[in-house]
Amino acid sequence: METVTIELTNQKAYKILKDLEELNIIKMVKKPSTLSSLRQKIQTKMSNEDIDKQLHNLRDEWQRPT
């Protein structure tokens, strides 16, 4: 048996693959995304300082007056 990775470009392709799986022709195996693969999808890189500022702002939003 051989494992291949494909990238779907159309939602109809997913349905076709699901149908093939129901017919026991193929088996779909979802592979979890790794952190490095997620980093490759980032379109604009942020500096450490910008990340710290954004985290600080997000944390401030959760701080509620008591």
N, C-alpha and C. Protein backbone atom coordinates (compact mmCIF):
# COMPACT_ATOMS: atom_id res chain seq x y z
N MET A 1 0.84 -1.18 0.00
CA MET A 1 0.00 0.00 0.00
C MET A 1 0.89 1.24 0.00
N GLU A 2 0.47 2.26 -0.71
CA GLU A 2 1.25 3.49 -0.82
C GLU A 2 0.45 4.66 -0.28
N THR A 3 1.11 5.55 0.44
CA THR A 3 0.46 6.74 0.98
C THR A 3 0.90 7.94 0.17
N VAL A 4 -0.07 8.75 -0.25
CA VAL A 4 0.22 9.97 -1.00
C VAL A 4 -0.48 11.14 -0.32
N THR A 5 0.09 12.31 -0.48
CA THR A 5 -0.51 13.52 0.04
C THR A 5 -1.02 14.34 -1.13
N ILE A 6 -2.26 14.80 -1.01
CA ILE A 6 -2.85 15.62 -2.07
C ILE A 6 -3.39 16.90 -1.46
N GLU A 7 -3.47 17.93 -2.27
CA GLU A 7 -4.08 19.19 -1.84
C GLU A 7 -5.33 19.40 -2.69
N LEU A 8 -6.46 19.51 -2.03
CA LEU A 8 -7.73 19.68 -2.74
C LEU A 8 -7.90 21.14 -3.15
N THR A 9 -8.32 21.33 -4.38
CA THR A 9 -8.57 22.69 -4.86
C THR A 9 -10.05 22.95 -5.07
N ASN A 10 -10.86 21.93 -4.81
CA ASN A 10 -12.29 22.07 -5.01
C ASN A 10 -13.00 21.19 -3.98
N GLN A 11 -14.04 21.71 -3.36
CA GLN A 11 -14.76 20.97 -2.32
C GLN A 11 -15.42 19.71 -2.89
N LYS A 12 -15.74 19.69 -4.17
CA LYS A 12 -16.35 18.51 -4.79
C LYS A 12 -15.37 17.34 -4.77
N ALA A 13 -14.08 17.63 -4.85
CA ALA A 13 -13.07 16.58 -4.82
C ALA A 13 -13.10 15.85 -3.48
N TYR A 14 -13.36 16.58 -2.41
CA TYR A 14 -13.43 15.97 -1.08
C TYR A 14 -14.58 14.97 -1.03
N LYS A 15 -15.73 15.35 -1.60
CA LYS A 15 -16.88 14.45 -1.60
C LYS A 15 -16.58 13.19 -2.41
N ILE A 16 -15.90 13.36 -3.53
CA ILE A 16 -15.54 12.19 -4.35
C ILE A 16 -14.63 11.26 -3.55
N LEU A 17 -13.67 11.83 -2.84
CA LEU A 17 -12.77 11.01 -2.03
C LEU A 17 -13.52 10.30 -0.91
N LYS A 18 -14.47 10.99 -0.29
CA LYS A 18 -15.28 10.36 0.75
C LYS A 18 -16.08 9.20 0.18
N ASP A 19 -16.62 9.38 -1.04
CA ASP A 19 -17.37 8.30 -1.70
C ASP A 19 -16.46 7.10 -1.96
N LEU A 20 -15.24 7.35 -2.41
CA LEU A 20 -14.29 6.27 -2.65
C LEU A 20 -13.94 5.55 -1.34
N GLU A 21 -13.88 6.31 -0.27
CA GLU A 21 -13.60 5.70 1.03
C GLU A 21 -14.76 4.80 1.47
N GLU A 22 -15.98 5.25 1.25
CA GLU A 22 -17.15 4.44 1.59
C GLU A 22 -17.22 3.15 0.79
N LEU A 23 -16.67 3.17 -0.42
CA LEU A 23 -16.62 1.96 -1.25
C LEU A 23 -15.41 1.08 -0.91
N ASN A 24 -14.66 1.47 0.11
CA ASN A 24 -13.45 0.74 0.54
C ASN A 24 -12.41 0.65 -0.56
N ILE A 25 -12.33 1.70 -1.38
CA ILE A 25 -11.30 1.77 -2.42
C ILE A 25 -10.06 2.48 -1.89
N ILE A 26 -10.30 3.52 -1.08
CA ILE A 26 -9.20 4.26 -0.46
C ILE A 26 -9.50 4.43 1.01
N LYS A 27 -8.50 4.81 1.76
CA LYS A 27 -8.66 5.17 3.17
C LYS A 27 -8.06 6.55 3.36
N MET A 28 -8.87 7.48 3.84
CA MET A 28 -8.39 8.83 4.06
C MET A 28 -7.80 8.92 5.46
N VAL A 29 -6.59 9.44 5.54
CA VAL A 29 -5.89 9.60 6.82
C VAL A 29 -5.57 11.06 6.96
N LYS A 30 -6.12 11.69 7.98
CA LYS A 30 -5.81 13.10 8.21
C LYS A 30 -4.55 13.19 9.04
N LYS A 31 -3.62 13.98 8.54
CA LYS A 31 -2.34 14.17 9.20
C LYS A 31 -2.39 15.50 9.94
N PRO A 32 -2.10 15.50 11.23
CA PRO A 32 -2.14 16.77 11.96
C PRO A 32 -1.08 17.74 11.45
N SER A 33 -1.42 19.02 11.46
CA SER A 33 -0.48 20.05 11.03
C SER A 33 0.61 20.22 12.07
N THR A 34 1.82 20.33 11.60
CA THR A 34 2.92 20.60 12.51
C THR A 34 3.09 22.11 12.62
N LEU A 35 3.74 22.52 13.67
CA LEU A 35 3.94 23.95 13.88
C LEU A 35 4.74 24.57 12.75
N SER A 36 5.73 23.85 12.24
CA SER A 36 6.55 24.40 11.16
C SER A 36 5.73 24.59 9.89
N SER A 37 4.78 23.68 9.62
CA SER A 37 3.96 23.85 8.42
C SER A 37 3.00 25.02 8.58
N LEU A 38 2.55 25.27 9.80
CA LEU A 38 1.69 26.42 10.04
C LEU A 38 2.46 27.73 9.87
N ARG A 39 3.72 27.73 10.29
CA ARG A 39 4.54 28.94 10.15
C ARG A 39 4.76 29.30 8.70
N GLN A 40 4.83 28.30 7.83
CA GLN A 40 5.04 28.56 6.40
C GLN A 40 3.84 29.27 5.78
N LYS A 41 2.67 29.13 6.40
CA LYS A 41 1.45 29.75 5.86
C LYS A 41 1.28 31.20 6.28
N ILE A 42 2.12 31.67 7.19
CA ILE A 42 2.04 33.06 7.64
C ILE A 42 2.50 33.97 6.51
N GLN A 43 1.65 34.93 6.18
CA GLN A 43 1.97 35.80 5.06
C GLN A 43 2.83 36.99 5.46
N THR A 44 2.60 37.53 6.66
CA THR A 44 3.42 38.65 7.11
C THR A 44 4.07 38.25 8.42
N LYS A 45 5.37 38.32 8.44
CA LYS A 45 6.11 37.94 9.65
C LYS A 45 6.12 39.11 10.62
N MET A 46 6.03 38.79 11.90
CA MET A 46 6.02 39.81 12.94
C MET A 46 7.32 39.72 13.74
N SER A 47 7.79 40.88 14.19
CA SER A 47 8.97 40.88 15.04
C SER A 47 8.56 40.44 16.44
N ASN A 48 9.53 40.05 17.24
CA ASN A 48 9.24 39.65 18.62
C ASN A 48 8.57 40.78 19.39
N GLU A 49 9.00 42.00 19.12
CA GLU A 49 8.42 43.16 19.80
C GLU A 49 6.94 43.31 19.43
N ASP A 50 6.61 43.16 18.15
CA ASP A 50 5.23 43.26 17.71
C ASP A 50 4.36 42.15 18.32
N ILE A 51 4.92 40.97 18.42
CA ILE A 51 4.19 39.85 19.03
C ILE A 51 3.92 40.16 20.50
N ASP A 52 4.92 40.67 21.21
CA ASP A 52 4.75 41.03 22.62
C ASP A 52 3.68 42.09 22.79
N LYS A 53 3.68 43.11 21.93
CA LYS A 53 2.66 44.16 22.00
C LYS A 53 1.27 43.58 21.78
N GLN A 54 1.14 42.71 20.79
CA GLN A 54 -0.17 42.14 20.50
C GLN A 54 -0.65 41.26 21.66
N LEU A 55 0.25 40.47 22.23
CA LEU A 55 -0.12 39.65 23.38
C LEU A 55 -0.55 40.52 24.56
N HIS A 56 0.18 41.59 24.78
CA HIS A 56 -0.17 42.51 25.87
C HIS A 56 -1.57 43.09 25.64
N ASN A 57 -1.84 43.52 24.42
CA ASN A 57 -3.17 44.07 24.11
C ASN A 57 -4.27 43.04 24.28
N LEU A 58 -4.01 41.82 23.85
CA LEU A 58 -5.01 40.76 24.00
C LEU A 58 -5.27 40.45 25.46
N ARG A 59 -4.21 40.41 26.25
CA ARG A 59 -4.39 40.15 27.68
C ARG A 59 -5.16 41.27 28.35
N ASP A 60 -4.91 42.51 27.95
CA ASP A 60 -5.64 43.64 28.51
C ASP A 60 -7.13 43.55 28.21
N GLU A 61 -7.49 43.02 27.06
CA GLU A 61 -8.90 42.88 26.72
C GLU A 61 -9.61 41.92 27.68
N TRP A 62 -8.89 40.94 28.19
CA TRP A 62 -9.50 39.96 29.10
C TRP A 62 -9.57 40.47 30.54
N GLN A 63 -8.81 41.51 30.84
CA GLN A 63 -8.84 42.07 32.19
C GLN A 63 -10.13 42.85 32.34
N ARG A 64 -10.98 42.39 33.23
CA ARG A 64 -12.27 43.08 33.43
C ARG A 64 -12.30 43.69 34.82
N PRO A 65 -12.92 44.83 34.92
CA PRO A 65 -13.02 45.45 36.25
C PRO A 65 -13.89 44.57 37.16
N THR A 66 -13.49 44.54 38.42
CA THR A 66 -14.26 43.74 39.38
C THR A 66 -15.06 44.61 40.30
